[in-house]
Amino acid sequence: MSDRFFLYDDTTQAKTRFVSFMGEEQRHDLALIYSDRHYGKVIILDMLSNRFAIIGQDDLKEEGYLEFAFGISEEKAAELLDFLNEIIY
């Protein structure tokens, strides 16, 4: 058996916020993980679809990013974008 080669193996403190809200298109159940690990970006876990993305303010400005990352329609992404614009700075 060969030695395992780690690129990194860190333990950090993180703050997790759980949010559930009903939009016009669908219900959103999210876990938002804040740490200093990803250059100020937030790990957003969509607990209904089991998808996640590491998102910062720059990503929110990318057209089609939320649709691609979470596999959702433009309408569903618009209501998610409204929420994320309020909490990600």
PDB file of N, CA and C in Angstrom:
ATOM      1  N   MET A   1       0.847  -1.180   0.000  1.00  0.00           N
ATOM      2  CA  MET A   1       0.000   0.000   0.000  1.00  0.00           C
ATOM      3  C   MET A   1       0.893   1.244   0.000  1.00  0.00           C
ATOM      4  N   SER A   2       0.601   2.179  -0.883  1.00  0.00           N
ATOM      5  CA  SER A   2       1.421   3.387  -0.973  1.00  0.00           C
ATOM      6  C   SER A   2       0.932   4.442   0.015  1.00  0.00           C
ATOM      7  N   ASP A   3       1.809   5.408   0.287  1.00  0.00           N
ATOM      8  CA  ASP A   3       1.433   6.516   1.171  1.00  0.00           C
ATOM      9  C   ASP A   3       0.445   7.426   0.471  1.00  0.00           C
ATOM     10  N   ARG A   4      -0.497   7.908   1.243  1.00  0.00           N
ATOM     11  CA  ARG A   4      -1.494   8.833   0.697  1.00  0.00           C
ATOM     12  C   ARG A   4      -0.861  10.220   0.542  1.00  0.00           C
ATOM     13  N   PHE A   5      -1.089  10.851  -0.579  1.00  0.00           N
ATOM     14  CA  PHE A   5      -0.570  12.191  -0.835  1.00  0.00           C
ATOM     15  C   PHE A   5      -1.711  13.196  -0.702  1.00  0.00           C
ATOM     16  N   PHE A   6      -1.683  14.003   0.335  1.00  0.00           N
ATOM     17  CA  PHE A   6      -2.714  15.016   0.565  1.00  0.00           C
ATOM     18  C   PHE A   6      -2.314  16.335  -0.076  1.00  0.00           C
ATOM     19  N   LEU A   7      -3.237  16.955  -0.760  1.00  0.00           N
ATOM     20  CA  LEU A   7      -3.013  18.326  -1.226  1.00  0.00           C
ATOM     21  C   LEU A   7      -3.209  19.293  -0.075  1.00  0.00           C
ATOM     22  N   TYR A   8      -4.186  18.990   0.781  1.00  0.00           N
ATOM     23  CA  TYR A   8      -4.358  19.689   2.054  1.00  0.00           C
ATOM     24  C   TYR A   8      -5.237  18.851   2.955  1.00  0.00           C
ATOM     25  N   ASP A   9      -5.116  19.103   4.237  1.00  0.00           N
ATOM     26  CA  ASP A   9      -5.919  18.408   5.252  1.00  0.00           C
ATOM     27  C   ASP A   9      -6.056  19.377   6.416  1.00  0.00           C
ATOM     28  N   ASP A  10      -7.029  20.272   6.324  1.00  0.00           N
ATOM     29  CA  ASP A  10      -7.209  21.348   7.300  1.00  0.00           C
ATOM     30  C   ASP A  10      -8.498  21.167   8.083  1.00  0.00           C
ATOM     31  N   THR A  11      -8.510  21.676   9.279  1.00  0.00           N
ATOM     32  CA  THR A  11      -9.725  21.764  10.072  1.00  0.00           C
ATOM     33  C   THR A  11      -9.950  23.235  10.382  1.00  0.00           C
ATOM     34  N   THR A  12     -11.151  23.733  10.062  1.00  0.00           N
ATOM     35  CA  THR A  12     -11.465  25.144  10.311  1.00  0.00           C
ATOM     36  C   THR A  12     -12.805  25.259  11.021  1.00  0.00           C
ATOM     37  N   GLN A  13     -13.015  26.399  11.637  1.00  0.00           N
ATOM     38  CA  GLN A  13     -14.300  26.720  12.232  1.00  0.00           C
ATOM     39  C   GLN A  13     -15.208  27.261  11.132  1.00  0.00           C
ATOM     40  N   ALA A  14     -16.464  26.872  11.162  1.00  0.00           N
ATOM     41  CA  ALA A  14     -17.426  27.359  10.179  1.00  0.00           C
ATOM     42  C   ALA A  14     -18.739  27.684  10.883  1.00  0.00           C
ATOM     43  N   LYS A  15     -19.468  28.611  10.297  1.00  0.00           N
ATOM     44  CA  LYS A  15     -20.795  28.962  10.798  1.00  0.00           C
ATOM     45  C   LYS A  15     -21.798  28.486   9.760  1.00  0.00           C
ATOM     46  N   THR A  16     -22.837  27.792  10.206  1.00  0.00           N
ATOM     47  CA  THR A  16     -23.850  27.280   9.285  1.00  0.00           C
ATOM     48  C   THR A  16     -25.189  27.913   9.598  1.00  0.00           C
ATOM     49  N   ARG A  17     -25.854  28.384   8.553  1.00  0.00           N
ATOM     50  CA  ARG A  17     -27.196  28.963   8.676  1.00  0.00           C
ATOM     51  C   ARG A  17     -28.144  28.102   7.849  1.00  0.00           C
ATOM     52  N   PHE A  18     -29.247  27.686   8.463  1.00  0.00           N
ATOM     53  CA  PHE A  18     -30.259  26.910   7.756  1.00  0.00           C
ATOM     54  C   PHE A  18     -31.447  27.822   7.474  1.00  0.00           C
ATOM     55  N   VAL A  19     -31.870  27.861   6.206  1.00  0.00           N
ATOM     56  CA  VAL A  19     -32.953  28.738   5.782  1.00  0.00           C
ATOM     57  C   VAL A  19     -33.934  27.944   4.932  1.00  0.00           C
ATOM     58  N   SER A  20     -35.215  28.129   5.210  1.00  0.00           N
ATOM     59  CA  SER A  20     -36.256  27.536   4.385  1.00  0.00           C
ATOM     60  C   SER A  20     -37.257  28.641   4.072  1.00  0.00           C
ATOM     61  N   PHE A  21     -37.567  28.816   2.794  1.00  0.00           N
ATOM     62  CA  PHE A  21     -38.570  29.801   2.421  1.00  0.00           C
ATOM     63  C   PHE A  21     -39.340  29.323   1.209  1.00  0.00           C
ATOM     64  N   MET A  22     -40.548  29.826   1.101  1.00  0.00           N
ATOM     65  CA  MET A  22     -41.422  29.470  -0.009  1.00  0.00           C
ATOM     66  C   MET A  22     -41.398  30.595  -1.020  1.00  0.00           C
ATOM     67  N   GLY A  23     -41.004  30.283  -2.239  1.00  0.00           N
ATOM     68  CA  GLY A  23     -41.028  31.263  -3.307  1.00  0.00           C
ATOM     69  C   GLY A  23     -42.287  31.077  -4.146  1.00  0.00           C
ATOM     70  N   GLU A  24     -42.401  31.883  -5.187  1.00  0.00           N
ATOM     71  CA  GLU A  24     -43.537  31.738  -6.096  1.00  0.00           C
ATOM     72  C   GLU A  24     -43.439  30.431  -6.891  1.00  0.00           C
ATOM     73  N   GLU A  25     -42.223  29.999  -7.177  1.00  0.00           N
ATOM     74  CA  GLU A  25     -41.990  28.823  -8.021  1.00  0.00           C
ATOM     75  C   GLU A  25     -41.798  27.539  -7.228  1.00  0.00           C
ATOM     76  N   GLN A  26     -41.136  27.620  -6.078  1.00  0.00           N
ATOM     77  CA  GLN A  26     -40.846  26.411  -5.310  1.00  0.00           C
ATOM     78  C   GLN A  26     -40.409  26.755  -3.901  1.00  0.00           C
ATOM     79  N   ARG A  27     -40.323  25.733  -3.077  1.00  0.00           N
ATOM     80  CA  ARG A  27     -39.777  25.850  -1.729  1.00  0.00           C
ATOM     81  C   ARG A  27     -38.262  25.714  -1.824  1.00  0.00           C
ATOM     82  N   HIS A  28     -37.565  26.490  -1.006  1.00  0.00           N
ATOM     83  CA  HIS A  28     -36.103  26.434  -0.954  1.00  0.00           C
ATOM     84  C   HIS A  28     -35.685  26.060   0.459  1.00  0.00           C
ATOM     85  N   ASP A  29     -34.939  24.968   0.599  1.00  0.00           N
ATOM     86  CA  ASP A  29     -34.353  24.551   1.869  1.00  0.00           C
ATOM     87  C   ASP A  29     -32.844  24.565   1.687  1.00  0.00           C
ATOM     88  N   LEU A  30     -32.208  25.525   2.328  1.00  0.00           N
ATOM     89  CA  LEU A  30     -30.786  25.756   2.099  1.00  0.00           C
ATOM     90  C   LEU A  30     -29.987  25.670   3.384  1.00  0.00           C
ATOM     91  N   ALA A  31     -28.752  25.244   3.256  1.00  0.00           N
ATOM     92  CA  ALA A  31     -27.760  25.364   4.318  1.00  0.00           C
ATOM     93  C   ALA A  31     -26.659  26.251   3.750  1.00  0.00           C
ATOM     94  N   LEU A  32     -26.323  27.304   4.468  1.00  0.00           N
ATOM     95  CA  LEU A  32     -25.287  28.234   4.038  1.00  0.00           C
ATOM     96  C   LEU A  32     -24.116  28.097   4.995  1.00  0.00           C
ATOM     97  N   ILE A  33     -22.969  27.737   4.472  1.00  0.00           N
ATOM     98  CA  ILE A  33     -21.790  27.504   5.300  1.00  0.00           C
ATOM     99  C   ILE A  33     -20.779  28.623   5.045  1.00  0.00           C
ATOM    100  N   TYR A  34     -20.477  29.342   6.124  1.00  0.00           N
ATOM    101  CA  TYR A  34     -19.536  30.456   6.069  1.00  0.00           C
ATOM    102  C   TYR A  34     -18.227  30.027   6.727  1.00  0.00           C
ATOM    103  N   SER A  35     -17.123  30.209   6.021  1.00  0.00           N
ATOM    104  CA  SER A  35     -15.803  29.955   6.602  1.00  0.00           C
ATOM    105  C   SER A  35     -14.815  30.870   5.890  1.00  0.00           C
ATOM    106  N   ASP A  36     -13.583  30.835   6.337  1.00  0.00           N
ATOM    107  CA  ASP A  36     -12.563  31.643   5.669  1.00  0.00           C
ATOM    108  C   ASP A  36     -11.832  30.829   4.600  1.00  0.00           C
ATOM    109  N   ARG A  37     -12.372  29.711   4.247  1.00  0.00           N
ATOM    110  CA  ARG A  37     -11.722  28.763   3.347  1.00  0.00           C
ATOM    111  C   ARG A  37     -11.788  29.154   1.871  1.00  0.00           C
ATOM    112  N   HIS A  38     -12.871  29.746   1.419  1.00  0.00           N
ATOM    113  CA  HIS A  38     -13.098  29.956  -0.014  1.00  0.00           C
ATOM    114  C   HIS A  38     -13.119  31.427  -0.411  1.00  0.00           C
ATOM    115  N   TYR A  39     -12.153  32.183   0.084  1.00  0.00           N
ATOM    116  CA  TYR A  39     -11.974  33.577  -0.310  1.00  0.00           C
ATOM    117  C   TYR A  39     -13.229  34.411  -0.110  1.00  0.00           C
ATOM    118  N   GLY A  40     -13.924  34.194   1.004  1.00  0.00           N
ATOM    119  CA  GLY A  40     -15.111  34.978   1.324  1.00  0.00           C
ATOM    120  C   GLY A  40     -16.389  34.485   0.676  1.00  0.00           C
ATOM    121  N   LYS A  41     -16.311  33.419  -0.087  1.00  0.00           N
ATOM    122  CA  LYS A  41     -17.512  32.872  -0.712  1.00  0.00           C
ATOM    123  C   LYS A  41     -18.234  31.952   0.265  1.00  0.00           C
ATOM    124  N   VAL A  42     -19.500  31.684  -0.011  1.00  0.00           N
ATOM    125  CA  VAL A  42     -20.351  30.886   0.863  1.00  0.00           C
ATOM    126  C   VAL A  42     -20.680  29.576   0.159  1.00  0.00           C
ATOM    127  N   ILE A  43     -20.623  28.475   0.897  1.00  0.00           N
ATOM    128  CA  ILE A  43     -21.052  27.190   0.341  1.00  0.00           C
ATOM    129  C   ILE A  43     -22.560  27.122   0.534  1.00  0.00           C
ATOM    130  N   ILE A  44     -23.292  27.036  -0.560  1.00  0.00           N
ATOM    131  CA  ILE A  44     -24.754  26.963  -0.524  1.00  0.00           C
ATOM    132  C   ILE A  44     -25.157  25.528  -0.861  1.00  0.00           C
ATOM    133  N   LEU A  45     -25.812  24.871   0.096  1.00  0.00           N
ATOM    134  CA  LEU A  45     -26.304  23.505  -0.116  1.00  0.00           C
ATOM    135  C   LEU A  45     -27.808  23.563  -0.295  1.00  0.00           C
ATOM    136  N   ASP A  46     -28.299  23.069  -1.413  1.00  0.00           N
ATOM    137  CA  ASP A  46     -29.739  22.940  -1.630  1.00  0.00           C
ATOM    138  C   ASP A  46     -30.119  21.546  -1.151  1.00  0.00           C
ATOM    139  N   MET A  47     -30.763  21.474  -0.007  1.00  0.00           N
ATOM    140  CA  MET A  47     -31.038  20.187   0.621  1.00  0.00           C
ATOM    141  C   MET A  47     -32.162  19.411  -0.065  1.00  0.00           C
ATOM    142  N   LEU A  48     -32.953  20.063  -0.903  1.00  0.00           N
ATOM    143  CA  LEU A  48     -34.001  19.359  -1.630  1.00  0.00           C
ATOM    144  C   LEU A  48     -33.467  18.641  -2.868  1.00  0.00           C
ATOM    145  N   SER A  49     -32.472  19.243  -3.501  1.00  0.00           N
ATOM    146  CA  SER A  49     -31.941  18.641  -4.732  1.00  0.00           C
ATOM    147  C   SER A  49     -30.583  17.971  -4.526  1.00  0.00           C
ATOM    148  N   ASN A  50     -30.020  18.103  -3.320  1.00  0.00           N
ATOM    149  CA  ASN A  50     -28.692  17.543  -3.030  1.00  0.00           C
ATOM    150  C   ASN A  50     -27.608  18.117  -3.942  1.00  0.00           C
ATOM    151  N   ARG A  51     -27.725  19.403  -4.255  1.00  0.00           N
ATOM    152  CA  ARG A  51     -26.712  20.082  -5.065  1.00  0.00           C
ATOM    153  C   ARG A  51     -26.125  21.205  -4.243  1.00  0.00           C
ATOM    154  N   PHE A  52     -24.914  21.616  -4.578  1.00  0.00           N
ATOM    155  CA  PHE A  52     -24.284  22.715  -3.864  1.00  0.00           C
ATOM    156  C   PHE A  52     -23.422  23.534  -4.806  1.00  0.00           C
ATOM    157  N   ALA A  53     -23.097  24.735  -4.352  1.00  0.00           N
ATOM    158  CA  ALA A  53     -22.191  25.602  -5.097  1.00  0.00           C
ATOM    159  C   ALA A  53     -21.482  26.514  -4.102  1.00  0.00           C
ATOM    160  N   ILE A  54     -20.280  26.913  -4.457  1.00  0.00           N
ATOM    161  CA  ILE A  54     -19.533  27.896  -3.683  1.00  0.00           C
ATOM    162  C   ILE A  54     -19.763  29.229  -4.380  1.00  0.00           C
ATOM    163  N   ILE A  55     -20.452  30.140  -3.682  1.00  0.00           N
ATOM    164  CA  ILE A  55     -20.975  31.331  -4.345  1.00  0.00           C
ATOM    165  C   ILE A  55     -20.515  32.603  -3.644  1.00  0.00           C
ATOM    166  N   GLY A  56     -20.082  33.548  -4.452  1.00  0.00           N
ATOM    167  CA  GLY A  56     -19.750  34.888  -4.003  1.00  0.00           C
ATOM    168  C   GLY A  56     -20.526  35.892  -4.823  1.00  0.00           C
ATOM    169  N   GLN A  57     -20.371  37.142  -4.492  1.00  0.00           N
ATOM    170  CA  GLN A  57     -21.083  38.217  -5.186  1.00  0.00           C
ATOM    171  C   GLN A  57     -20.792  38.188  -6.692  1.00  0.00           C
ATOM    172  N   ASP A  58     -19.554  37.863  -7.065  1.00  0.00           N
ATOM    173  CA  ASP A  58     -19.202  37.797  -8.487  1.00  0.00           C
ATOM    174  C   ASP A  58     -19.977  36.702  -9.217  1.00  0.00           C
ATOM    175  N   ASP A  59     -20.220  35.590  -8.550  1.00  0.00           N
ATOM    176  CA  ASP A  59     -20.968  34.492  -9.173  1.00  0.00           C
ATOM    177  C   ASP A  59     -22.429  34.857  -9.393  1.00  0.00           C
ATOM    178  N   LEU A  60     -22.977  35.653  -8.487  1.00  0.00           N
ATOM    179  CA  LEU A  60     -24.381  36.061  -8.620  1.00  0.00           C
ATOM    180  C   LEU A  60     -24.604  36.946  -9.843  1.00  0.00           C
ATOM    181  N   LYS A  61     -23.547  37.577 -10.316  1.00  0.00           N
ATOM    182  CA  LYS A  61     -23.649  38.452 -11.488  1.00  0.00           C
ATOM    183  C   LYS A  61     -23.519  37.681 -12.804  1.00  0.00           C
ATOM    184  N   GLU A  62     -23.083  36.427 -12.718  1.00  0.00           N
ATOM    185  CA  GLU A  62     -22.912  35.598 -13.916  1.00  0.00           C
ATOM    186  C   GLU A  62     -24.267  35.088 -14.396  1.00  0.00           C
ATOM    187  N   GLU A  63     -24.631  35.458 -15.591  1.00  0.00           N
ATOM    188  CA  GLU A  63     -25.913  35.021 -16.151  1.00  0.00           C
ATOM    189  C   GLU A  63     -25.934  33.504 -16.319  1.00  0.00           C
ATOM    190  N   GLY A  64     -26.977  32.877 -15.804  1.00  0.00           N
ATOM    191  CA  GLY A  64     -27.145  31.443 -15.943  1.00  0.00           C
ATOM    192  C   GLY A  64     -26.392  30.595 -14.927  1.00  0.00           C
ATOM    193  N   TYR A  65     -25.652  31.233 -14.029  1.00  0.00           N
ATOM    194  CA  TYR A  65     -24.834  30.470 -13.081  1.00  0.00           C
ATOM    195  C   TYR A  65     -25.680  29.638 -12.121  1.00  0.00           C
ATOM    196  N   LEU A  66     -26.695  30.241 -11.523  1.00  0.00           N
ATOM    197  CA  LEU A  66     -27.527  29.505 -10.570  1.00  0.00           C
ATOM    198  C   LEU A  66     -28.311  28.388 -11.251  1.00  0.00           C
ATOM    199  N   GLU A  67     -28.763  28.650 -12.468  1.00  0.00           N
ATOM    200  CA  GLU A  67     -29.478  27.628 -13.223  1.00  0.00           C
ATOM    201  C   GLU A  67     -28.588  26.404 -13.432  1.00  0.00           C
ATOM    202  N   PHE A  68     -27.341  26.662 -13.813  1.00  0.00           N
ATOM    203  CA  PHE A  68     -26.391  25.583 -14.054  1.00  0.00           C
ATOM    204  C   PHE A  68     -26.003  24.882 -12.752  1.00  0.00           C
ATOM    205  N   ALA A  69     -25.643  25.648 -11.737  1.00  0.00           N
ATOM    206  CA  ALA A  69     -25.136  25.074 -10.488  1.00  0.00           C
ATOM    207  C   ALA A  69     -26.179  24.224  -9.771  1.00  0.00           C
ATOM    208  N   PHE A  70     -27.433  24.668  -9.782  1.00  0.00           N
ATOM    209  CA  PHE A  70     -28.472  23.964  -9.043  1.00  0.00           C
ATOM    210  C   PHE A  70     -29.444  23.198  -9.934  1.00  0.00           C
ATOM    211  N   GLY A  71     -29.253  23.254 -11.247  1.00  0.00           N
ATOM    212  CA  GLY A  71     -30.111  22.514 -12.165  1.00  0.00           C
ATOM    213  C   GLY A  71     -31.564  22.950 -12.088  1.00  0.00           C
ATOM    214  N   ILE A  72     -31.772  24.276 -12.071  1.00  0.00           N
ATOM    215  CA  ILE A  72     -33.127  24.812 -11.923  1.00  0.00           C
ATOM    216  C   ILE A  72     -33.474  25.731 -13.090  1.00  0.00           C
ATOM    217  N   SER A  73     -34.762  26.033 -13.213  1.00  0.00           N
ATOM    218  CA  SER A  73     -35.228  26.908 -14.291  1.00  0.00           C
ATOM    219  C   SER A  73     -34.843  28.359 -14.016  1.00  0.00           C
ATOM    220  N   GLU A  74     -34.978  29.165 -15.032  1.00  0.00           N
ATOM    221  CA  GLU A  74     -34.670  30.594 -14.913  1.00  0.00           C
ATOM    222  C   GLU A  74     -35.569  31.261 -13.873  1.00  0.00           C
ATOM    223  N   GLU A  75     -36.827  30.865 -13.814  1.00  0.00           N
ATOM    224  CA  GLU A  75     -37.779  31.448 -12.860  1.00  0.00           C
ATOM    225  C   GLU A  75     -37.406  31.092 -11.425  1.00  0.00           C
ATOM    226  N   LYS A  76     -37.055  29.838 -11.197  1.00  0.00           N
ATOM    227  CA  LYS A  76     -36.644  29.408  -9.855  1.00  0.00           C
ATOM    228  C   LYS A  76     -35.325  30.065  -9.457  1.00  0.00           C
ATOM    229  N   ALA A  77     -34.435  30.205 -10.415  1.00  0.00           N
ATOM    230  CA  ALA A  77     -33.151  30.859 -10.148  1.00  0.00           C
ATOM    231  C   ALA A  77     -33.344  32.325  -9.790  1.00  0.00           C
ATOM    232  N   ALA A  78     -34.329  32.980 -10.389  1.00  0.00           N
ATOM    233  CA  ALA A  78     -34.580  34.398 -10.116  1.00  0.00           C
ATOM    234  C   ALA A  78     -34.985  34.608  -8.662  1.00  0.00           C
ATOM    235  N   GLU A  79     -35.846  33.742  -8.114  1.00  0.00           N
ATOM    236  CA  GLU A  79     -36.233  33.917  -6.719  1.00  0.00           C
ATOM    237  C   GLU A  79     -35.101  33.533  -5.775  1.00  0.00           C
ATOM    238  N   LEU A  80     -34.278  32.567  -6.147  1.00  0.00           N
ATOM    239  CA  LEU A  80     -33.104  32.231  -5.345  1.00  0.00           C
ATOM    240  C   LEU A  80     -32.102  33.378  -5.383  1.00  0.00           C
ATOM    241  N   LEU A  81     -31.929  33.969  -6.541  1.00  0.00           N
ATOM    242  CA  LEU A  81     -31.025  35.112  -6.691  1.00  0.00           C
ATOM    243  C   LEU A  81     -31.466  36.279  -5.819  1.00  0.00           C
ATOM    244  N   ASP A  82     -32.753  36.562  -5.768  1.00  0.00           N
ATOM    245  CA  ASP A  82     -33.260  37.633  -4.902  1.00  0.00           C
ATOM    246  C   ASP A  82     -32.820  37.417  -3.460  1.00  0.00           C
ATOM    247  N   PHE A  83     -32.972  36.191  -2.972  1.00  0.00           N
ATOM    248  CA  PHE A  83     -32.580  35.876  -1.600  1.00  0.00           C
ATOM    249  C   PHE A  83     -31.076  35.986  -1.414  1.00  0.00           C
ATOM    250  N   LEU A  84     -30.309  35.377  -2.302  1.00  0.00           N
ATOM    251  CA  LEU A  84     -28.857  35.366  -2.144  1.00  0.00           C
ATOM    252  C   LEU A  84     -28.254  36.765  -2.253  1.00  0.00           C
ATOM    253  N   ASN A  85     -28.860  37.638  -3.053  1.00  0.00           N
ATOM    254  CA  ASN A  85     -28.383  39.016  -3.137  1.00  0.00           C
ATOM    255  C   ASN A  85     -28.530  39.755  -1.811  1.00  0.00           C
ATOM    256  N   GLU A  86     -29.494  39.348  -0.988  1.00  0.00           N
ATOM    257  CA  GLU A  86     -29.688  39.966   0.317  1.00  0.00           C
ATOM    258  C   GLU A  86     -28.656  39.524   1.333  1.00  0.00           C
ATOM    259  N   ILE A  87     -28.128  38.317   1.202  1.00  0.00           N
ATOM    260  CA  ILE A  87     -27.274  37.779   2.257  1.00  0.00           C
ATOM    261  C   ILE A  87     -25.802  37.643   1.906  1.00  0.00           C
ATOM    262  N   ILE A  88     -25.470  37.666   0.620  1.00  0.00           N
ATOM    263  CA  ILE A  88     -24.062  37.536   0.211  1.00  0.00           C
ATOM    264  C   ILE A  88     -23.542  38.913  -0.182  1.00  0.00           C
ATOM    265  N   TYR A  89     -22.511  39.355   0.532  1.00  0.00           N
ATOM    266  CA  TYR A  89     -21.924  40.670   0.210  1.00  0.00           C
ATOM    267  C   TYR A  89     -20.474  40.545  -0.121  1.00  0.00           C
TER     268      TYR A  89
END
